[in-house]
Amino acid sequence: MHFKLIIAFIADNKVDIVLNAAREVGAMGATVINHARGEGIEPTKTFFGLQLETHRNVLLLLVEEHLARTILEKISEVGGFETDMGAGIAFQLDVEDAVGVAHQVQKLTGLVEENL
């Protein structure tokens, strides 16, 4: 079984919504890294020298490759990535190898076979 790593940068208030949506379409779990910072096209605004920025969270989802695009699209949809400027971004990377995923493989085998 081959995997992809989906990395999503999202606003704090959308983490639970995005995680639940990802699970609905096949994600088995995620790692959430809190309080990331970033900057998009427009530089971060300041007010009397203080930066006015919202913290982001980084979601790492190791998913089966046949489910990856569906999960990525669902994350984008519920997170508003294409409609709301600054809502977040997500992308996927190929994973060459992974360990510690035996339980996921057992559960995913039937799910992936149904979708193929």
Protein backbone atom coordinates (compact mmCIF):
# COMPACT_ATOMS: atom_id res chain seq x y z
CA MET A 1 0.00 0.00 0.00
CA HIS A 2 1.29 3.46 -0.88
CA PHE A 3 0.68 6.67 1.00
CA LYS A 4 0.60 10.40 0.44
CA LEU A 5 1.21 13.09 3.03
CA ILE A 6 -1.34 15.88 2.96
CA ILE A 7 -0.12 19.05 4.63
CA ALA A 8 -2.71 21.73 5.34
CA PHE A 9 -2.23 25.17 6.85
CA ILE A 10 -5.53 26.36 8.26
CA ALA A 11 -7.02 28.92 10.63
CA ASP A 12 -7.44 27.91 14.25
CA ASN A 13 -11.23 28.00 14.13
CA LYS A 14 -11.48 25.53 11.22
CA VAL A 15 -9.35 22.65 12.54
CA ASP A 16 -12.21 20.49 13.84
CA ILE A 17 -14.36 21.11 10.76
CA VAL A 18 -11.51 20.13 8.43
CA LEU A 19 -10.52 17.07 10.47
CA ASN A 20 -14.09 15.78 10.62
CA ALA A 21 -14.54 16.29 6.87
CA ALA A 22 -11.26 14.50 6.12
CA ARG A 23 -12.34 11.53 8.25
CA GLU A 24 -15.68 11.36 6.41
CA VAL A 25 -13.85 10.72 3.13
CA GLY A 26 -11.23 8.25 4.35
CA ALA A 27 -8.56 9.88 6.53
CA MET A 28 -7.70 7.73 9.53
CA GLY A 29 -6.31 10.53 11.69
CA ALA A 30 -3.99 13.49 11.71
CA THR A 31 -1.28 15.27 13.59
CA VAL A 32 -2.00 18.90 14.45
CA ILE A 33 0.82 21.36 15.02
CA ASN A 34 -0.45 24.49 16.74
CA HIS A 35 0.56 28.14 16.41
CA ALA A 36 2.33 28.21 13.08
CA ARG A 37 2.85 31.58 11.44
CA GLY A 38 2.97 32.50 7.80
CA GLU A 39 2.51 35.24 5.31
CA GLY A 40 0.68 35.29 2.00
CA ILE A 41 0.62 37.73 -0.88
CA GLU A 42 -0.03 40.66 1.43
CA PRO A 43 2.46 41.31 4.24
CA THR A 44 1.21 41.02 7.81
CA LYS A 45 -0.33 44.25 9.06
CA THR A 46 0.95 45.93 12.17
CA PHE A 47 -0.65 48.25 14.70
CA PHE A 48 1.77 50.39 16.70
CA GLY A 49 4.51 47.86 16.06
CA LEU A 50 2.43 44.83 17.06
CA GLN A 51 1.70 42.27 14.39
CA LEU A 52 -1.97 41.58 13.76
CA GLU A 53 -1.97 38.02 12.59
CA THR A 54 -4.03 34.95 13.18
CA HIS A 55 -2.29 31.79 14.18
CA ARG A 56 -2.44 28.87 11.83
CA ASN A 57 -2.38 25.21 12.53
CA VAL A 58 -0.56 22.65 10.43
CA LEU A 59 -2.39 19.39 9.79
CA LEU A 60 -0.38 16.36 8.71
CA LEU A 61 -2.46 13.54 7.29
CA LEU A 62 -0.85 10.30 6.11
CA VAL A 63 -3.44 8.87 3.71
CA GLU A 64 -3.71 6.05 1.20
CA GLU A 65 -2.79 7.30 -2.26
CA HIS A 66 -6.14 6.40 -3.90
CA LEU A 67 -8.00 8.48 -1.31
CA ALA A 68 -5.60 11.44 -1.27
CA ARG A 69 -7.17 13.61 -3.98
CA THR A 70 -10.68 13.17 -2.55
CA ILE A 71 -9.45 14.12 0.93
CA LEU A 72 -7.50 17.10 -0.44
CA GLU A 73 -10.57 18.40 -2.31
CA LYS A 74 -12.79 17.95 0.76
CA ILE A 75 -10.32 19.85 2.94
CA SER A 76 -10.28 22.68 0.40
CA GLU A 77 -14.06 22.77 0.19
CA VAL A 78 -14.84 22.90 3.92
CA GLY A 79 -11.85 25.12 4.66
CA GLY A 80 -12.85 27.62 1.99
CA PHE A 81 -9.35 27.62 0.50
CA GLU A 82 -10.48 28.61 -3.00
CA THR A 83 -13.20 31.04 -1.96
CA ASP A 84 -11.91 32.87 1.13
CA MET A 85 -8.64 34.77 0.77
CA GLY A 86 -6.22 33.72 3.50
CA ALA A 87 -8.31 30.72 4.59
CA GLY A 88 -5.43 28.33 4.08
CA ILE A 89 -3.64 26.03 1.69
CA ALA A 90 -3.14 22.30 1.39
CA PHE A 91 -0.94 20.10 -0.75
CA GLN A 92 0.13 16.49 -0.98
CA LEU A 93 3.52 14.82 -1.21
CA ASP A 94 4.49 11.29 -2.15
CA VAL A 95 5.65 9.15 0.76
CA GLU A 96 8.41 6.75 -0.15
CA ASP A 97 8.02 4.54 2.91
CA ALA A 98 6.21 4.51 6.25
CA VAL A 99 6.26 2.43 9.41
CA GLY A 100 3.77 2.28 12.25
CA VAL A 101 0.79 2.16 9.91
CA ALA A 102 -0.11 -1.56 10.09
CA HIS A 103 -3.45 -0.87 11.80
CA GLN A 104 -4.36 1.67 9.12
CA VAL A 105 -3.45 -0.77 6.36
CA GLN A 106 -5.84 -3.37 7.79
CA LYS A 107 -8.74 -0.90 7.90
CA LEU A 108 -7.90 0.74 4.58
CA THR A 109 -7.62 -2.46 2.52
CA GLY A 110 -11.37 -3.00 2.32
CA LEU A 111 -12.14 0.69 1.84
CA VAL A 112 -9.68 1.10 -1.01
CA GLU A 113 -10.82 -2.09 -2.74
CA GLU A 114 -14.41 -0.79 -2.70
CA ASN A 115 -13.32 2.46 -4.36
CA LEU A 116 -11.24 0.80 -7.09
